[in-house]
Amino acid sequence: MFVTITETLTTQQLNNINLIAGEKALSSTEVMHRYQISSTTSISRSKAALIKNDILDNKAGEISFQDPIYAYWLKTEYFAK
């Protein structure tokens, strides 16, 4: 199921998910360069799309994964490659 969800995401969305899974300062220049994010606008657009698709959640301005097991799988399996 996680593979199917992940395969539907754009490269930019995957980069943003990787960023969100591993960093706290989402818009610092160094972090954006490391995760190949082009601009803070692209972060905002990707976050909005991922929230709309029920992958991320925005509670009181804090972005988190709706499914913590999916977040764990991404960190340990998908992005660990």
N, C-alpha and C. Protein backbone atom coordinates (compact mmCIF):
# COMPACT_ATOMS: atom_id res chain seq x y z
N MET A 1 0.81 -1.18 0.00
CA MET A 1 0.00 0.00 0.00
C MET A 1 0.87 1.26 0.00
N PHE A 2 1.94 1.29 0.81
CA PHE A 2 2.80 2.46 0.87
C PHE A 2 3.49 2.71 -0.46
N VAL A 3 3.89 1.65 -1.14
CA VAL A 3 4.54 1.81 -2.44
C VAL A 3 3.57 2.45 -3.42
N THR A 4 2.34 2.02 -3.42
CA THR A 4 1.33 2.57 -4.32
C THR A 4 1.12 4.06 -4.06
N ILE A 5 1.01 4.44 -2.81
CA ILE A 5 0.85 5.85 -2.46
C ILE A 5 2.06 6.65 -2.94
N THR A 6 3.23 6.15 -2.67
CA THR A 6 4.47 6.85 -2.98
C THR A 6 4.68 6.99 -4.48
N GLU A 7 4.28 6.00 -5.24
CA GLU A 7 4.44 6.05 -6.70
C GLU A 7 3.57 7.12 -7.35
N THR A 8 2.52 7.57 -6.68
CA THR A 8 1.64 8.59 -7.25
C THR A 8 2.16 10.01 -7.01
N LEU A 9 3.20 10.16 -6.21
CA LEU A 9 3.71 11.48 -5.87
C LEU A 9 4.71 11.98 -6.90
N THR A 10 4.73 13.29 -7.08
CA THR A 10 5.71 13.89 -7.99
C THR A 10 7.08 13.90 -7.31
N THR A 11 8.11 14.13 -8.09
CA THR A 11 9.46 14.20 -7.54
C THR A 11 9.55 15.32 -6.51
N GLN A 12 8.94 16.45 -6.79
CA GLN A 12 8.94 17.58 -5.85
C GLN A 12 8.24 17.20 -4.56
N GLN A 13 7.13 16.49 -4.64
CA GLN A 13 6.42 16.07 -3.43
C GLN A 13 7.26 15.08 -2.63
N LEU A 14 7.93 14.17 -3.32
CA LEU A 14 8.81 13.22 -2.63
C LEU A 14 9.95 13.94 -1.92
N ASN A 15 10.54 14.92 -2.59
CA ASN A 15 11.61 15.69 -1.96
C ASN A 15 11.09 16.41 -0.72
N ASN A 16 9.89 16.95 -0.81
CA ASN A 16 9.30 17.63 0.34
C ASN A 16 8.96 16.67 1.47
N ILE A 17 8.47 15.50 1.14
CA ILE A 17 8.19 14.50 2.18
C ILE A 17 9.48 14.09 2.87
N ASN A 18 10.53 13.89 2.09
CA ASN A 18 11.83 13.55 2.66
C ASN A 18 12.30 14.67 3.57
N LEU A 19 12.13 15.89 3.15
CA LEU A 19 12.49 17.05 3.95
C LEU A 19 11.69 17.08 5.25
N ILE A 20 10.39 16.94 5.15
CA ILE A 20 9.51 17.00 6.33
C ILE A 20 9.81 15.86 7.29
N ALA A 21 10.13 14.71 6.75
CA ALA A 21 10.42 13.55 7.60
C ALA A 21 11.73 13.71 8.36
N GLY A 22 12.66 14.50 7.80
CA GLY A 22 13.98 14.54 8.43
C GLY A 22 14.44 15.85 8.98
N GLU A 23 13.71 16.93 8.80
CA GLU A 23 14.20 18.26 9.19
C GLU A 23 13.14 19.05 9.94
N LYS A 24 13.60 19.98 10.75
CA LYS A 24 12.70 20.91 11.44
C LYS A 24 12.66 22.26 10.73
N ALA A 25 13.81 22.76 10.28
CA ALA A 25 13.88 24.06 9.59
C ALA A 25 13.65 23.83 8.10
N LEU A 26 12.41 23.87 7.68
CA LEU A 26 12.04 23.46 6.33
C LEU A 26 12.51 24.40 5.24
N SER A 27 12.70 25.66 5.55
CA SER A 27 13.00 26.60 4.47
C SER A 27 14.41 27.18 4.52
N SER A 28 15.30 26.62 5.31
CA SER A 28 16.67 27.14 5.30
C SER A 28 17.33 26.80 3.96
N THR A 29 18.21 27.66 3.51
CA THR A 29 18.85 27.50 2.21
C THR A 29 19.61 26.18 2.13
N GLU A 30 20.35 25.85 3.17
CA GLU A 30 21.13 24.61 3.18
C GLU A 30 20.22 23.38 3.06
N VAL A 31 19.16 23.37 3.80
CA VAL A 31 18.22 22.24 3.78
C VAL A 31 17.54 22.14 2.42
N MET A 32 17.12 23.27 1.87
CA MET A 32 16.47 23.25 0.56
C MET A 32 17.43 22.71 -0.51
N HIS A 33 18.68 23.09 -0.43
CA HIS A 33 19.67 22.60 -1.39
C HIS A 33 19.88 21.09 -1.21
N ARG A 34 19.99 20.63 0.02
CA ARG A 34 20.22 19.21 0.30
C ARG A 34 19.10 18.33 -0.25
N TYR A 35 17.85 18.82 -0.16
CA TYR A 35 16.70 18.04 -0.62
C TYR A 35 16.22 18.44 -2.01
N GLN A 36 17.01 19.24 -2.71
CA GLN A 36 16.72 19.66 -4.08
C GLN A 36 15.35 20.32 -4.20
N ILE A 37 15.09 21.25 -3.29
CA ILE A 37 13.86 22.03 -3.31
C ILE A 37 14.19 23.37 -3.94
N SER A 38 13.42 23.78 -4.94
CA SER A 38 13.77 24.98 -5.69
C SER A 38 13.41 26.28 -4.98
N SER A 39 12.32 26.30 -4.22
CA SER A 39 11.92 27.55 -3.56
C SER A 39 10.97 27.25 -2.41
N THR A 40 10.78 28.26 -1.57
CA THR A 40 9.82 28.10 -0.48
C THR A 40 8.40 28.00 -1.02
N THR A 41 8.16 28.60 -2.19
CA THR A 41 6.85 28.49 -2.82
C THR A 41 6.54 27.04 -3.19
N SER A 42 7.55 26.33 -3.69
CA SER A 42 7.33 24.92 -4.05
C SER A 42 7.07 24.08 -2.81
N ILE A 43 7.69 24.44 -1.69
CA ILE A 43 7.40 23.74 -0.43
C ILE A 43 5.93 23.95 -0.07
N SER A 44 5.48 25.18 -0.15
CA SER A 44 4.08 25.49 0.19
C SER A 44 3.10 24.76 -0.71
N ARG A 45 3.37 24.75 -2.01
CA ARG A 45 2.47 24.06 -2.95
C ARG A 45 2.45 22.56 -2.69
N SER A 46 3.62 21.98 -2.48
CA SER A 46 3.68 20.54 -2.23
C SER A 46 2.99 20.18 -0.92
N LYS A 47 3.21 20.97 0.12
CA LYS A 47 2.55 20.71 1.40
C LYS A 47 1.04 20.76 1.24
N ALA A 48 0.55 21.76 0.51
CA ALA A 48 -0.90 21.88 0.30
C ALA A 48 -1.45 20.66 -0.44
N ALA A 49 -0.75 20.20 -1.46
CA ALA A 49 -1.19 19.02 -2.21
C ALA A 49 -1.15 17.77 -1.34
N LEU A 50 -0.12 17.64 -0.53
CA LEU A 50 0.01 16.46 0.33
C LEU A 50 -1.03 16.47 1.45
N ILE A 51 -1.39 17.64 1.93
CA ILE A 51 -2.46 17.75 2.93
C ILE A 51 -3.79 17.40 2.27
N LYS A 52 -4.02 17.92 1.08
CA LYS A 52 -5.27 17.63 0.35
C LYS A 52 -5.42 16.14 0.08
N ASN A 53 -4.30 15.45 -0.18
CA ASN A 53 -4.33 14.01 -0.47
C ASN A 53 -4.24 13.15 0.79
N ASP A 54 -4.40 13.77 1.95
CA ASP A 54 -4.43 13.07 3.24
C ASP A 54 -3.14 12.31 3.56
N ILE A 55 -2.02 12.83 3.10
CA ILE A 55 -0.73 12.24 3.45
C ILE A 55 -0.15 13.00 4.64
N LEU A 56 -0.27 14.33 4.60
CA LEU A 56 0.19 15.16 5.70
C LEU A 56 -1.00 15.78 6.40
N ASP A 57 -0.75 16.25 7.62
CA ASP A 57 -1.78 16.91 8.41
C ASP A 57 -1.21 18.24 8.91
N ASN A 58 -2.03 19.25 8.99
CA ASN A 58 -1.61 20.55 9.50
C ASN A 58 -2.47 20.88 10.71
N LYS A 59 -1.91 20.64 11.89
CA LYS A 59 -2.63 20.94 13.12
C LYS A 59 -1.93 22.10 13.81
N ALA A 60 -2.64 23.20 13.92
CA ALA A 60 -2.12 24.41 14.58
C ALA A 60 -0.79 24.85 13.98
N GLY A 61 -0.67 24.73 12.66
CA GLY A 61 0.55 25.16 11.99
C GLY A 61 1.68 24.17 12.03
N GLU A 62 1.47 23.03 12.63
CA GLU A 62 2.51 21.99 12.70
C GLU A 62 2.20 20.89 11.68
N ILE A 63 3.14 20.66 10.78
CA ILE A 63 2.97 19.65 9.73
C ILE A 63 3.44 18.31 10.25
N SER A 64 2.61 17.29 10.06
CA SER A 64 2.97 15.93 10.46
C SER A 64 2.34 14.95 9.48
N PHE A 65 2.79 13.72 9.55
CA PHE A 65 2.21 12.67 8.72
C PHE A 65 0.92 12.19 9.37
N GLN A 66 -0.10 11.96 8.54
CA GLN A 66 -1.35 11.41 9.08
C GLN A 66 -1.13 9.98 9.56
N ASP A 67 -0.28 9.25 8.87
CA ASP A 67 0.01 7.86 9.24
C ASP A 67 1.46 7.75 9.69
N PRO A 68 1.72 7.66 10.99
CA PRO A 68 3.10 7.58 11.46
C PRO A 68 3.84 6.34 10.96
N ILE A 69 3.12 5.30 10.65
CA ILE A 69 3.77 4.10 10.12
C ILE A 69 4.28 4.36 8.70
N TYR A 70 3.54 5.13 7.93
CA TYR A 70 3.99 5.53 6.59
C TYR A 70 5.25 6.38 6.72
N ALA A 71 5.27 7.31 7.66
CA ALA A 71 6.46 8.14 7.88
C ALA A 71 7.67 7.26 8.25
N TYR A 72 7.45 6.29 9.11
CA TYR A 72 8.52 5.37 9.50
C TYR A 72 9.01 4.57 8.30
N TRP A 73 8.09 4.07 7.49
CA TRP A 73 8.46 3.30 6.29
C TRP A 73 9.27 4.15 5.33
N LEU A 74 8.85 5.38 5.13
CA LEU A 74 9.59 6.28 4.24
C LEU A 74 11.03 6.46 4.73
N LYS A 75 11.20 6.74 6.02
CA LYS A 75 12.53 6.97 6.59
C LYS A 75 13.41 5.74 6.54
N THR A 76 12.85 4.59 6.89
CA THR A 76 13.67 3.39 7.05
C THR A 76 13.80 2.53 5.80
N GLU A 77 12.84 2.65 4.91
CA GLU A 77 12.87 1.81 3.71
C GLU A 77 13.05 2.61 2.43
N TYR A 78 12.14 3.53 2.18
CA TYR A 78 12.14 4.23 0.89
C TYR A 78 13.33 5.18 0.73
N PHE A 79 13.53 6.07 1.68
CA PHE A 79 14.61 7.06 1.57
C PHE A 79 15.95 6.52 2.07
N ALA A 80 15.96 5.37 2.67
CA ALA A 80 17.21 4.79 3.18
C ALA A 80 18.03 4.14 2.08
N LYS A 81 17.46 4.02 0.89
CA LYS A 81 18.15 3.39 -0.24
C LYS A 81 19.34 4.19 -0.69
